[in-house]
């Protein structure tokens, strides 16, 4: 296995603060929906909500959820 210790790549990666990943349950609570609804959305690609697959697990970046909410926000009008 090759090591990249001390390389520029390692230094750049170590300076980033990793963004926490939310479970499907946490994402559903944040969006006010159910885990089942998020599963359908990911399967049908209905809203284009990005998700990350880690084995059988589905995770969501908080920033992706915030972007999704922002894109879906509509101003009041006639």
N, C-alpha and C. Protein backbone atom coordinates (compact mmCIF):
# COMPACT_ATOMS: atom_id res chain seq x y z
N UNK A 1 0.84 -1.17 0.00
CA UNK A 1 0.00 0.00 0.00
C UNK A 1 0.89 1.24 0.00
N UNK A 2 0.65 2.14 -0.91
CA UNK A 2 1.50 3.34 -0.98
C UNK A 2 1.07 4.35 0.08
N UNK A 3 2.03 5.09 0.56
CA UNK A 3 1.76 6.10 1.58
C UNK A 3 1.97 7.47 0.97
N UNK A 4 1.13 8.43 1.39
CA UNK A 4 1.26 9.79 0.87
C UNK A 4 1.58 10.75 1.99
N UNK A 5 2.11 10.24 3.09
CA UNK A 5 2.42 11.09 4.23
C UNK A 5 3.43 12.16 3.84
N UNK A 6 3.16 13.37 4.27
CA UNK A 6 4.08 14.46 4.02
C UNK A 6 3.96 15.07 2.64
N UNK A 7 3.08 14.54 1.82
CA UNK A 7 2.92 15.10 0.48
C UNK A 7 1.98 16.29 0.53
N UNK A 8 1.98 17.06 -0.53
CA UNK A 8 1.09 18.21 -0.64
C UNK A 8 -0.36 17.77 -0.55
N UNK A 9 -0.67 16.63 -1.16
CA UNK A 9 -2.04 16.13 -1.14
C UNK A 9 -2.51 15.88 0.29
N UNK A 10 -1.67 15.27 1.10
CA UNK A 10 -2.05 14.99 2.49
C UNK A 10 -2.26 16.28 3.25
N UNK A 11 -1.42 17.26 3.04
CA UNK A 11 -1.54 18.53 3.76
C UNK A 11 -2.83 19.23 3.39
N UNK A 12 -3.19 19.25 2.11
CA UNK A 12 -4.44 19.88 1.67
C UNK A 12 -5.65 19.18 2.27
N UNK A 13 -5.63 17.86 2.29
CA UNK A 13 -6.76 17.11 2.82
C UNK A 13 -6.89 17.29 4.33
N UNK A 14 -5.78 17.37 5.03
CA UNK A 14 -5.85 17.47 6.49
C UNK A 14 -6.31 18.85 6.95
N UNK A 15 -6.20 19.87 6.11
CA UNK A 15 -6.62 21.21 6.50
C UNK A 15 -8.13 21.42 6.35
N UNK A 16 -8.78 20.57 5.60
CA UNK A 16 -10.22 20.70 5.42
C UNK A 16 -10.95 20.12 6.62
N UNK A 17 -12.01 20.79 7.01
CA UNK A 17 -12.85 20.27 8.07
C UNK A 17 -13.94 19.44 7.39
N UNK A 18 -14.03 18.15 7.70
CA UNK A 18 -15.01 17.32 7.02
C UNK A 18 -16.44 17.73 7.39
N UNK A 19 -17.28 17.72 6.39
CA UNK A 19 -18.69 18.06 6.60
C UNK A 19 -19.40 16.83 7.15
N UNK A 20 -20.17 16.99 8.21
CA UNK A 20 -20.87 15.82 8.75
C UNK A 20 -21.91 15.30 7.77
N UNK A 21 -22.08 14.00 7.77
CA UNK A 21 -23.08 13.37 6.92
C UNK A 21 -24.28 12.99 7.76
N UNK A 22 -25.46 13.29 7.26
CA UNK A 22 -26.69 12.98 7.98
C UNK A 22 -27.28 11.68 7.46
N UNK A 23 -27.89 10.94 8.36
CA UNK A 23 -28.57 9.71 7.96
C UNK A 23 -29.87 10.08 7.24
N UNK A 24 -30.48 9.09 6.62
CA UNK A 24 -31.76 9.34 5.95
C UNK A 24 -32.81 9.81 6.96
N UNK A 25 -32.77 9.25 8.16
CA UNK A 25 -33.72 9.65 9.20
C UNK A 25 -33.51 11.11 9.58
N UNK A 26 -32.25 11.52 9.78
CA UNK A 26 -31.95 12.90 10.16
C UNK A 26 -32.33 13.87 9.03
N UNK A 27 -32.05 13.47 7.79
CA UNK A 27 -32.40 14.31 6.65
C UNK A 27 -33.91 14.46 6.53
N UNK A 28 -34.63 13.37 6.76
CA UNK A 28 -36.10 13.42 6.69
C UNK A 28 -36.65 14.36 7.76
N UNK A 29 -36.10 14.29 8.95
CA UNK A 29 -36.55 15.18 10.03
C UNK A 29 -36.28 16.64 9.68
N UNK A 30 -35.11 16.91 9.11
CA UNK A 30 -34.76 18.26 8.72
C UNK A 30 -35.72 18.80 7.66
N UNK A 31 -36.09 17.95 6.71
CA UNK A 31 -36.96 18.37 5.62
C UNK A 31 -38.45 18.25 5.95
N UNK A 32 -38.76 17.66 7.08
CA UNK A 32 -40.17 17.51 7.47
C UNK A 32 -40.89 16.47 6.64
N UNK A 33 -40.20 15.42 6.28
CA UNK A 33 -40.79 14.35 5.49
C UNK A 33 -40.42 13.01 6.13
N UNK A 34 -40.63 11.93 5.43
CA UNK A 34 -40.32 10.61 6.00
C UNK A 34 -39.13 9.99 5.29
N UNK A 35 -38.56 9.00 5.94
CA UNK A 35 -37.46 8.25 5.33
C UNK A 35 -37.92 7.59 4.04
N UNK A 36 -39.14 7.09 4.05
CA UNK A 36 -39.69 6.43 2.86
C UNK A 36 -39.80 7.39 1.68
N UNK A 37 -40.20 8.62 1.96
CA UNK A 37 -40.30 9.62 0.89
C UNK A 37 -38.93 9.89 0.30
N UNK A 38 -37.92 10.04 1.15
CA UNK A 38 -36.56 10.26 0.65
C UNK A 38 -36.08 9.07 -0.17
N UNK A 39 -36.45 7.87 0.24
CA UNK A 39 -36.06 6.68 -0.52
C UNK A 39 -36.69 6.70 -1.90
N UNK A 40 -37.96 7.09 -1.98
CA UNK A 40 -38.64 7.19 -3.28
C UNK A 40 -37.99 8.26 -4.13
N UNK A 41 -37.69 9.41 -3.54
CA UNK A 41 -37.06 10.50 -4.29
C UNK A 41 -35.72 10.06 -4.86
N UNK A 42 -34.93 9.32 -4.06
CA UNK A 42 -33.62 8.90 -4.56
C UNK A 42 -33.76 7.85 -5.65
N UNK A 43 -34.75 6.97 -5.52
CA UNK A 43 -34.96 5.91 -6.51
C UNK A 43 -35.46 6.48 -7.83
N UNK A 44 -36.39 7.43 -7.74
CA UNK A 44 -36.99 8.00 -8.96
C UNK A 44 -36.25 9.22 -9.46
N UNK A 45 -35.28 9.71 -8.67
CA UNK A 45 -34.54 10.94 -9.00
C UNK A 45 -35.49 12.11 -9.21
N UNK A 46 -36.55 12.13 -8.43
CA UNK A 46 -37.61 13.12 -8.63
C UNK A 46 -37.15 14.55 -8.43
N UNK A 47 -36.43 14.83 -7.38
CA UNK A 47 -36.03 16.20 -7.09
C UNK A 47 -34.54 16.46 -7.23
N UNK A 48 -33.80 15.47 -7.62
CA UNK A 48 -32.36 15.65 -7.80
C UNK A 48 -31.62 15.97 -6.51
N UNK A 49 -32.11 15.43 -5.40
CA UNK A 49 -31.45 15.64 -4.11
C UNK A 49 -30.23 14.73 -4.02
N UNK A 50 -29.03 15.30 -3.97
CA UNK A 50 -27.82 14.46 -3.93
C UNK A 50 -27.75 13.63 -2.65
N UNK A 51 -27.24 12.42 -2.79
CA UNK A 51 -27.01 11.55 -1.63
C UNK A 51 -25.75 10.76 -1.86
N UNK A 52 -25.24 10.20 -0.79
CA UNK A 52 -23.99 9.43 -0.83
C UNK A 52 -24.31 8.02 -0.38
N UNK A 53 -23.88 7.04 -1.16
CA UNK A 53 -24.06 5.64 -0.78
C UNK A 53 -22.76 5.14 -0.16
N UNK A 54 -22.88 4.58 1.02
CA UNK A 54 -21.76 3.94 1.70
C UNK A 54 -22.24 2.53 2.04
N UNK A 55 -21.93 1.60 1.16
CA UNK A 55 -22.48 0.26 1.31
C UNK A 55 -23.99 0.33 1.15
N UNK A 56 -24.73 -0.14 2.16
CA UNK A 56 -26.19 -0.06 2.13
C UNK A 56 -26.71 1.26 2.67
N UNK A 57 -25.84 2.01 3.32
CA UNK A 57 -26.26 3.26 3.95
C UNK A 57 -26.39 4.38 2.94
N UNK A 58 -27.35 5.25 3.20
CA UNK A 58 -27.53 6.46 2.39
C UNK A 58 -27.29 7.63 3.32
N UNK A 59 -26.42 8.54 2.90
CA UNK A 59 -26.09 9.72 3.71
C UNK A 59 -26.30 10.98 2.88
N UNK A 60 -26.53 12.07 3.59
CA UNK A 60 -26.76 13.36 2.95
C UNK A 60 -25.85 14.40 3.57
N UNK A 61 -25.26 15.25 2.73
CA UNK A 61 -24.48 16.37 3.24
C UNK A 61 -25.45 17.46 3.66
N UNK A 62 -25.16 18.09 4.80
CA UNK A 62 -26.00 19.16 5.28
C UNK A 62 -26.07 20.28 4.24
N UNK A 63 -24.96 20.60 3.61
CA UNK A 63 -24.95 21.68 2.61
C UNK A 63 -25.85 21.34 1.42
N UNK A 64 -25.92 20.06 1.03
CA UNK A 64 -26.81 19.67 -0.07
C UNK A 64 -28.27 19.84 0.33
N UNK A 65 -28.58 19.51 1.59
CA UNK A 65 -29.95 19.68 2.07
C UNK A 65 -30.32 21.16 2.13
N UNK A 66 -29.38 21.99 2.58
CA UNK A 66 -29.63 23.43 2.63
C UNK A 66 -29.83 24.00 1.23
N UNK A 67 -29.01 23.55 0.27
CA UNK A 67 -29.17 23.98 -1.12
C UNK A 67 -30.53 23.54 -1.68
N UNK A 68 -30.93 22.32 -1.35
CA UNK A 68 -32.22 21.80 -1.80
C UNK A 68 -33.36 22.67 -1.27
N UNK A 69 -33.30 23.01 0.00
CA UNK A 69 -34.33 23.88 0.59
C UNK A 69 -34.34 25.23 -0.09
N UNK A 70 -33.16 25.78 -0.33
CA UNK A 70 -33.06 27.09 -0.99
C UNK A 70 -33.66 27.06 -2.39
N UNK A 71 -33.37 26.00 -3.15
CA UNK A 71 -33.89 25.88 -4.52
C UNK A 71 -35.40 25.72 -4.53
N UNK A 72 -35.94 25.08 -3.50
CA UNK A 72 -37.38 24.81 -3.45
C UNK A 72 -38.17 25.95 -2.81
N UNK A 73 -37.48 26.95 -2.25
CA UNK A 73 -38.14 28.07 -1.60
C UNK A 73 -38.71 29.01 -2.65
N UNK A 74 -39.98 29.34 -2.49
CA UNK A 74 -40.65 30.24 -3.41
C UNK A 74 -41.14 31.46 -2.66
N UNK A 75 -41.05 32.58 -3.32
CA UNK A 75 -41.55 33.81 -2.68
C UNK A 75 -43.07 33.87 -2.87
N UNK A 76 -43.72 34.52 -1.92
CA UNK A 76 -45.17 34.67 -2.01
C UNK A 76 -45.53 35.59 -3.17
N UNK A 77 -46.65 35.41 -3.74
CA UNK A 77 -47.08 36.24 -4.85
C UNK A 77 -48.50 35.90 -5.24
N UNK A 78 -48.97 36.57 -6.26
CA UNK A 78 -50.35 36.32 -6.69
C UNK A 78 -50.44 35.09 -7.53
